Amino acid sequence: MWTKPRNEEFPAYFGKYIDLVSEGYLEETLRTQLENTTILLSDISETQSNYRYAFGKWTLKEVVGHIIDTERIMSYRLLHIARGDKTPLAGYDDEKYVKEASFDSRSLPDLLEEFTVVRHSTISLLRGLSEEVWSRKGIANNNEISVSALAYIIAGHELHHVNIIKEKYLI
């Protein structure tokens, strides 16, 4: 268990996230990410958290909210497939989710608290999986994907956005 998925276990689009995650114990990676991201963003001012680096781009708070929403969705997909549910799952429009969420009306510390709760929930879910279900596949957004791939996408998606935060928001 906890091994990196093979390319045939996920749509090619997700490779950019999975490639960011090192081999190793994924639970520790997720815990370290939570700690590092929380430290990185804990001293951000309200002004900085409402910053957009270009017209039409999300604010820093919206990026954090997007990370939370995506982790919840990917965790649900992972749970759905791990439990053997064969019902295909729909995709989602991340732009619409961010628009409807009103993340900018919340404080960054509040969003970081929510991120912490969601991440702990993800870790608990993963810890409870048997080795048997790690390679189980299902359909999400009209594509076949494995439980393992979804777990690594969660980690890689956060890393992807933390890299953007460092490059574009914390300058």
C-alpha atoms as a PDB file:
ATOM      1  CA  MET A   1       0.000   0.000   0.000  1.00  0.00           C
ATOM      2  CA  TRP A   2       0.969   3.668  -0.334  1.00  0.00           C
ATOM      3  CA  THR A   3       2.836   3.059  -3.575  1.00  0.00           C
ATOM      4  CA  LYS A   4       2.767   5.608  -6.350  1.00  0.00           C
ATOM      5  CA  PRO A   5       0.191   4.795  -9.046  1.00  0.00           C
ATOM      6  CA  ARG A   6       1.174   3.652 -12.506  1.00  0.00           C
ATOM      7  CA  ASN A   7       0.317   5.873 -15.488  1.00  0.00           C
ATOM      8  CA  GLU A   8      -2.538   3.584 -16.541  1.00  0.00           C
ATOM      9  CA  GLU A   9      -4.300   4.224 -13.204  1.00  0.00           C
ATOM     10  CA  PHE A  10      -5.232   7.842 -13.948  1.00  0.00           C
ATOM     11  CA  PRO A  11      -5.959  10.291 -16.772  1.00  0.00           C
ATOM     12  CA  ALA A  12      -2.785  11.888 -18.146  1.00  0.00           C
ATOM     13  CA  TYR A  13      -3.903  15.334 -16.961  1.00  0.00           C
ATOM     14  CA  PHE A  14      -3.311  14.316 -13.336  1.00  0.00           C
ATOM     15  CA  GLY A  15       0.282  13.284 -14.021  1.00  0.00           C
ATOM     16  CA  LYS A  16       1.470  16.831 -13.310  1.00  0.00           C
ATOM     17  CA  TYR A  17       0.214  16.483  -9.732  1.00  0.00           C
ATOM     18  CA  ILE A  18       1.316  12.905  -9.108  1.00  0.00           C
ATOM     19  CA  ASP A  19       4.811  13.657 -10.442  1.00  0.00           C
ATOM     20  CA  LEU A  20       5.255  16.287  -7.710  1.00  0.00           C
ATOM     21  CA  VAL A  21       4.865  13.708  -4.942  1.00  0.00           C
ATOM     22  CA  SER A  22       7.933  11.746  -3.856  1.00  0.00           C
ATOM     23  CA  GLU A  23       7.839   8.010  -3.322  1.00  0.00           C
ATOM     24  CA  GLY A  24       7.534   7.125   0.295  1.00  0.00           C
ATOM     25  CA  TYR A  25       5.040   7.040   3.070  1.00  0.00           C
ATOM     26  CA  LEU A  26       2.125   9.134   1.806  1.00  0.00           C
ATOM     27  CA  GLU A  27       0.610   9.677   5.251  1.00  0.00           C
ATOM     28  CA  GLU A  28       3.793  11.399   6.405  1.00  0.00           C
ATOM     29  CA  THR A  29       3.861  13.467   3.202  1.00  0.00           C
ATOM     30  CA  LEU A  30       0.295  14.644   3.833  1.00  0.00           C
ATOM     31  CA  ARG A  31       1.098  15.505   7.463  1.00  0.00           C
ATOM     32  CA  THR A  32       4.249  17.397   6.486  1.00  0.00           C
ATOM     33  CA  GLN A  33       2.374  19.298   3.786  1.00  0.00           C
ATOM     34  CA  LEU A  34      -0.277  20.339   6.294  1.00  0.00           C
ATOM     35  CA  GLU A  35       2.356  21.622   8.689  1.00  0.00           C
ATOM     36  CA  ASN A  36       4.383  23.403   5.997  1.00  0.00           C
ATOM     37  CA  THR A  37       1.384  25.022   4.320  1.00  0.00           C
ATOM     38  CA  THR A  38      -0.041  26.190   7.634  1.00  0.00           C
ATOM     39  CA  ILE A  39       3.315  27.702   8.633  1.00  0.00           C
ATOM     40  CA  LEU A  40       3.743  29.312   5.202  1.00  0.00           C
ATOM     41  CA  LEU A  41       0.354  31.028   5.365  1.00  0.00           C
ATOM     42  CA  SER A  42      -0.028  31.678   9.097  1.00  0.00           C
ATOM     43  CA  ASP A  43       1.456  35.182   9.084  1.00  0.00           C
ATOM     44  CA  ILE A  44      -0.239  36.464   5.923  1.00  0.00           C
ATOM     45  CA  SER A  45      -2.071  39.767   6.392  1.00  0.00           C
ATOM     46  CA  GLU A  46      -5.689  40.297   5.383  1.00  0.00           C
ATOM     47  CA  THR A  47      -4.492  42.521   2.543  1.00  0.00           C
ATOM     48  CA  GLN A  48      -2.097  39.847   1.272  1.00  0.00           C
ATOM     49  CA  SER A  49      -4.765  37.146   1.538  1.00  0.00           C
ATOM     50  CA  ASN A  50      -7.042  39.174  -0.768  1.00  0.00           C
ATOM     51  CA  TYR A  51      -4.271  39.680  -3.354  1.00  0.00           C
ATOM     52  CA  ARG A  52      -4.754  38.633  -7.002  1.00  0.00           C
ATOM     53  CA  TYR A  53      -1.565  38.506  -9.063  1.00  0.00           C
ATOM     54  CA  ALA A  54      -3.481  39.278 -12.279  1.00  0.00           C
ATOM     55  CA  PHE A  55      -6.957  40.241 -13.404  1.00  0.00           C
ATOM     56  CA  GLY A  56      -9.288  37.247 -13.352  1.00  0.00           C
ATOM     57  CA  LYS A  57      -7.024  35.171 -11.117  1.00  0.00           C
ATOM     58  CA  TRP A  58      -8.115  33.913  -7.728  1.00  0.00           C
ATOM     59  CA  THR A  59      -7.192  35.645  -4.501  1.00  0.00           C
ATOM     60  CA  LEU A  60      -4.905  33.789  -2.123  1.00  0.00           C
ATOM     61  CA  LYS A  61      -7.957  32.926   0.020  1.00  0.00           C
ATOM     62  CA  GLU A  62      -9.701  31.524  -3.049  1.00  0.00           C
ATOM     63  CA  VAL A  63      -6.674  29.366  -3.834  1.00  0.00           C
ATOM     64  CA  VAL A  64      -6.735  27.948  -0.305  1.00  0.00           C
ATOM     65  CA  GLY A  65     -10.480  27.363  -0.592  1.00  0.00           C
ATOM     66  CA  HIS A  66      -9.960  25.617  -3.925  1.00  0.00           C
ATOM     67  CA  ILE A  67      -7.373  23.309  -2.340  1.00  0.00           C
ATOM     68  CA  ILE A  68      -9.906  22.444   0.376  1.00  0.00           C
ATOM     69  CA  ASP A  69     -12.774  21.827  -2.051  1.00  0.00           C
ATOM     70  CA  THR A  70     -10.629  19.694  -4.334  1.00  0.00           C
ATOM     71  CA  GLU A  71      -9.338  17.594  -1.456  1.00  0.00           C
ATOM     72  CA  ARG A  72     -12.913  16.984  -0.286  1.00  0.00           C
ATOM     73  CA  ILE A  73     -14.022  15.968  -3.776  1.00  0.00           C
ATOM     74  CA  MET A  74     -11.034  13.711  -4.403  1.00  0.00           C
ATOM     75  CA  SER A  75     -11.448  12.144  -0.954  1.00  0.00           C
ATOM     76  CA  TYR A  76     -15.094  11.413  -1.692  1.00  0.00           C
ATOM     77  CA  ARG A  77     -14.139   9.852  -5.020  1.00  0.00           C
ATOM     78  CA  LEU A  78     -11.515   7.789  -3.214  1.00  0.00           C
ATOM     79  CA  LEU A  79     -14.053   6.640  -0.591  1.00  0.00           C
ATOM     80  CA  HIS A  80     -16.650   5.844  -3.255  1.00  0.00           C
ATOM     81  CA  ILE A  81     -14.256   3.672  -5.242  1.00  0.00           C
ATOM     82  CA  ALA A  82     -12.599   2.094  -2.188  1.00  0.00           C
ATOM     83  CA  ARG A  83     -15.995   0.944  -0.938  1.00  0.00           C
ATOM     84  CA  GLY A  84     -16.668  -0.807  -4.230  1.00  0.00           C
ATOM     85  CA  ASP A  85     -19.362   1.540  -5.511  1.00  0.00           C
ATOM     86  CA  LYS A  86     -19.414   1.178  -9.299  1.00  0.00           C
ATOM     87  CA  THR A  87     -21.623   4.220  -9.944  1.00  0.00           C
ATOM     88  CA  PRO A  88     -19.753   6.670 -12.204  1.00  0.00           C
ATOM     89  CA  LEU A  89     -19.042  10.007 -10.530  1.00  0.00           C
ATOM     90  CA  ALA A  90     -19.565  13.382 -12.198  1.00  0.00           C
ATOM     91  CA  GLY A  91     -16.883  15.969 -12.751  1.00  0.00           C
ATOM     92  CA  TYR A  92     -16.982  19.413 -11.179  1.00  0.00           C
ATOM     93  CA  ASP A  93     -16.323  22.966 -12.304  1.00  0.00           C
ATOM     94  CA  ASP A  94     -13.670  24.388  -9.989  1.00  0.00           C
ATOM     95  CA  GLU A  95     -14.236  27.935 -11.242  1.00  0.00           C
ATOM     96  CA  LYS A  96     -17.931  27.754 -10.331  1.00  0.00           C
ATOM     97  CA  TYR A  97     -17.129  26.212  -6.940  1.00  0.00           C
ATOM     98  CA  VAL A  98     -14.775  29.074  -6.099  1.00  0.00           C
ATOM     99  CA  LYS A  99     -17.258  31.673  -7.349  1.00  0.00           C
ATOM    100  CA  GLU A 100     -20.084  30.213  -5.247  1.00  0.00           C
ATOM    101  CA  ALA A 101     -18.019  29.657  -2.102  1.00  0.00           C
ATOM    102  CA  SER A 102     -17.427  33.270  -0.987  1.00  0.00           C
ATOM    103  CA  PHE A 103     -13.977  32.378   0.328  1.00  0.00           C
ATOM    104  CA  ASP A 104     -13.036  36.079   0.350  1.00  0.00           C
ATOM    105  CA  SER A 105     -15.656  36.769   3.026  1.00  0.00           C
ATOM    106  CA  ARG A 106     -13.767  34.483   5.420  1.00  0.00           C
ATOM    107  CA  SER A 107     -10.485  35.016   7.206  1.00  0.00           C
ATOM    108  CA  LEU A 108      -7.388  33.125   6.130  1.00  0.00           C
ATOM    109  CA  PRO A 109      -6.983  31.632   9.643  1.00  0.00           C
ATOM    110  CA  ASP A 110     -10.538  30.275   9.351  1.00  0.00           C
ATOM    111  CA  LEU A 111      -9.718  28.693   5.979  1.00  0.00           C
ATOM    112  CA  LEU A 112      -6.510  27.195   7.381  1.00  0.00           C
ATOM    113  CA  GLU A 113      -8.491  25.680  10.238  1.00  0.00           C
ATOM    114  CA  GLU A 114     -10.872  24.116   7.717  1.00  0.00           C
ATOM    115  CA  PHE A 115      -7.937  22.848   5.678  1.00  0.00           C
ATOM    116  CA  THR A 116      -6.529  21.212   8.809  1.00  0.00           C
ATOM    117  CA  VAL A 117      -9.818  19.440   9.536  1.00  0.00           C
ATOM    118  CA  VAL A 118     -10.191  18.251   5.937  1.00  0.00           C
ATOM    119  CA  ARG A 119      -6.582  17.021   5.794  1.00  0.00           C
ATOM    120  CA  HIS A 120      -6.935  15.087   9.055  1.00  0.00           C
ATOM    121  CA  SER A 121     -10.093  13.510   7.665  1.00  0.00           C
ATOM    122  CA  THR A 122      -8.256  12.492   4.489  1.00  0.00           C
ATOM    123  CA  ILE A 123      -5.413  10.962   6.477  1.00  0.00           C
ATOM    124  CA  SER A 124      -7.865   9.009   8.649  1.00  0.00           C
ATOM    125  CA  LEU A 125      -9.648   7.719   5.566  1.00  0.00           C
ATOM    126  CA  LEU A 126      -6.397   6.573   3.958  1.00  0.00           C
ATOM    127  CA  ARG A 127      -5.164   4.914   7.146  1.00  0.00           C
ATOM    128  CA  GLY A 128      -8.334   2.814   7.253  1.00  0.00           C
ATOM    129  CA  LEU A 129      -7.936   1.383   3.767  1.00  0.00           C
ATOM    130  CA  SER A 130      -6.865  -2.200   3.228  1.00  0.00           C
ATOM    131  CA  GLU A 131      -4.095  -2.984   0.791  1.00  0.00           C
ATOM    132  CA  GLU A 132      -6.667  -4.746  -1.379  1.00  0.00           C
ATOM    133  CA  VAL A 133      -8.541  -1.532  -2.253  1.00  0.00           C
ATOM    134  CA  TRP A 134      -5.455   0.602  -2.978  1.00  0.00           C
ATOM    135  CA  SER A 135      -5.443  -0.470  -6.649  1.00  0.00           C
ATOM    136  CA  ARG A 136      -9.241  -0.574  -7.034  1.00  0.00           C
ATOM    137  CA  LYS A 137     -10.514   1.530  -9.941  1.00  0.00           C
ATOM    138  CA  GLY A 138     -13.697   3.405 -10.661  1.00  0.00           C
ATOM    139  CA  ILE A 139     -15.037   6.077 -12.993  1.00  0.00           C
ATOM    140  CA  ALA A 140     -14.893   9.790 -12.166  1.00  0.00           C
ATOM    141  CA  ASN A 141     -15.524  12.535 -14.708  1.00  0.00           C
ATOM    142  CA  ASN A 142     -15.785   9.881 -17.455  1.00  0.00           C
ATOM    143  CA  ASN A 143     -12.284   8.558 -16.721  1.00  0.00           C
ATOM    144  CA  GLU A 144     -11.015   5.456 -14.996  1.00  0.00           C
ATOM    145  CA  ILE A 145      -8.982   6.235 -11.885  1.00  0.00           C
ATOM    146  CA  SER A 146      -7.571   4.241  -8.956  1.00  0.00           C
ATOM    147  CA  VAL A 147      -7.763   4.795  -5.225  1.00  0.00           C
ATOM    148  CA  SER A 148      -3.978   5.161  -5.184  1.00  0.00           C
ATOM    149  CA  ALA A 149      -4.064   7.810  -7.908  1.00  0.00           C
ATOM    150  CA  LEU A 150      -6.674   9.825  -6.033  1.00  0.00           C
ATOM    151  CA  ALA A 151      -4.567   9.779  -2.865  1.00  0.00           C
ATOM    152  CA  TYR A 152      -1.507  10.994  -4.747  1.00  0.00           C
ATOM    153  CA  ILE A 153      -3.557  13.604  -6.626  1.00  0.00           C
ATOM    154  CA  ILE A 154      -4.644  15.079  -3.295  1.00  0.00           C
ATOM    155  CA  ALA A 155      -1.009  15.494  -2.232  1.00  0.00           C
ATOM    156  CA  GLY A 156       0.197  16.687  -5.626  1.00  0.00           C
ATOM    157  CA  HIS A 157      -2.642  19.138  -6.138  1.00  0.00           C
ATOM    158  CA  GLU A 158      -1.766  20.882  -2.896  1.00  0.00           C
ATOM    159  CA  LEU A 159       1.944  20.973  -3.820  1.00  0.00           C
ATOM    160  CA  HIS A 160       1.070  22.431  -7.224  1.00  0.00           C
ATOM    161  CA  HIS A 161      -0.909  25.274  -5.670  1.00  0.00           C
ATOM    162  CA  VAL A 162       1.594  25.904  -2.879  1.00  0.00           C
ATOM    163  CA  ASN A 163       4.243  26.348  -5.587  1.00  0.00           C
ATOM    164  CA  ILE A 164       1.981  28.896  -7.320  1.00  0.00           C
ATOM    165  CA  ILE A 165       1.384  30.661  -3.999  1.00  0.00           C
ATOM    166  CA  LYS A 166       5.135  30.946  -3.432  1.00  0.00           C
ATOM    167  CA  GLU A 167       5.813  32.144  -7.000  1.00  0.00           C
ATOM    168  CA  LYS A 168       2.872  34.492  -7.566  1.00  0.00           C
ATOM    169  CA  TYR A 169       1.402  35.551  -4.233  1.00  0.00           C
ATOM    170  CA  LEU A 170       4.262  35.772  -1.736  1.00  0.00           C
ATOM    171  CA  ILE A 171       6.565  38.017  -3.704  1.00  0.00           C
END
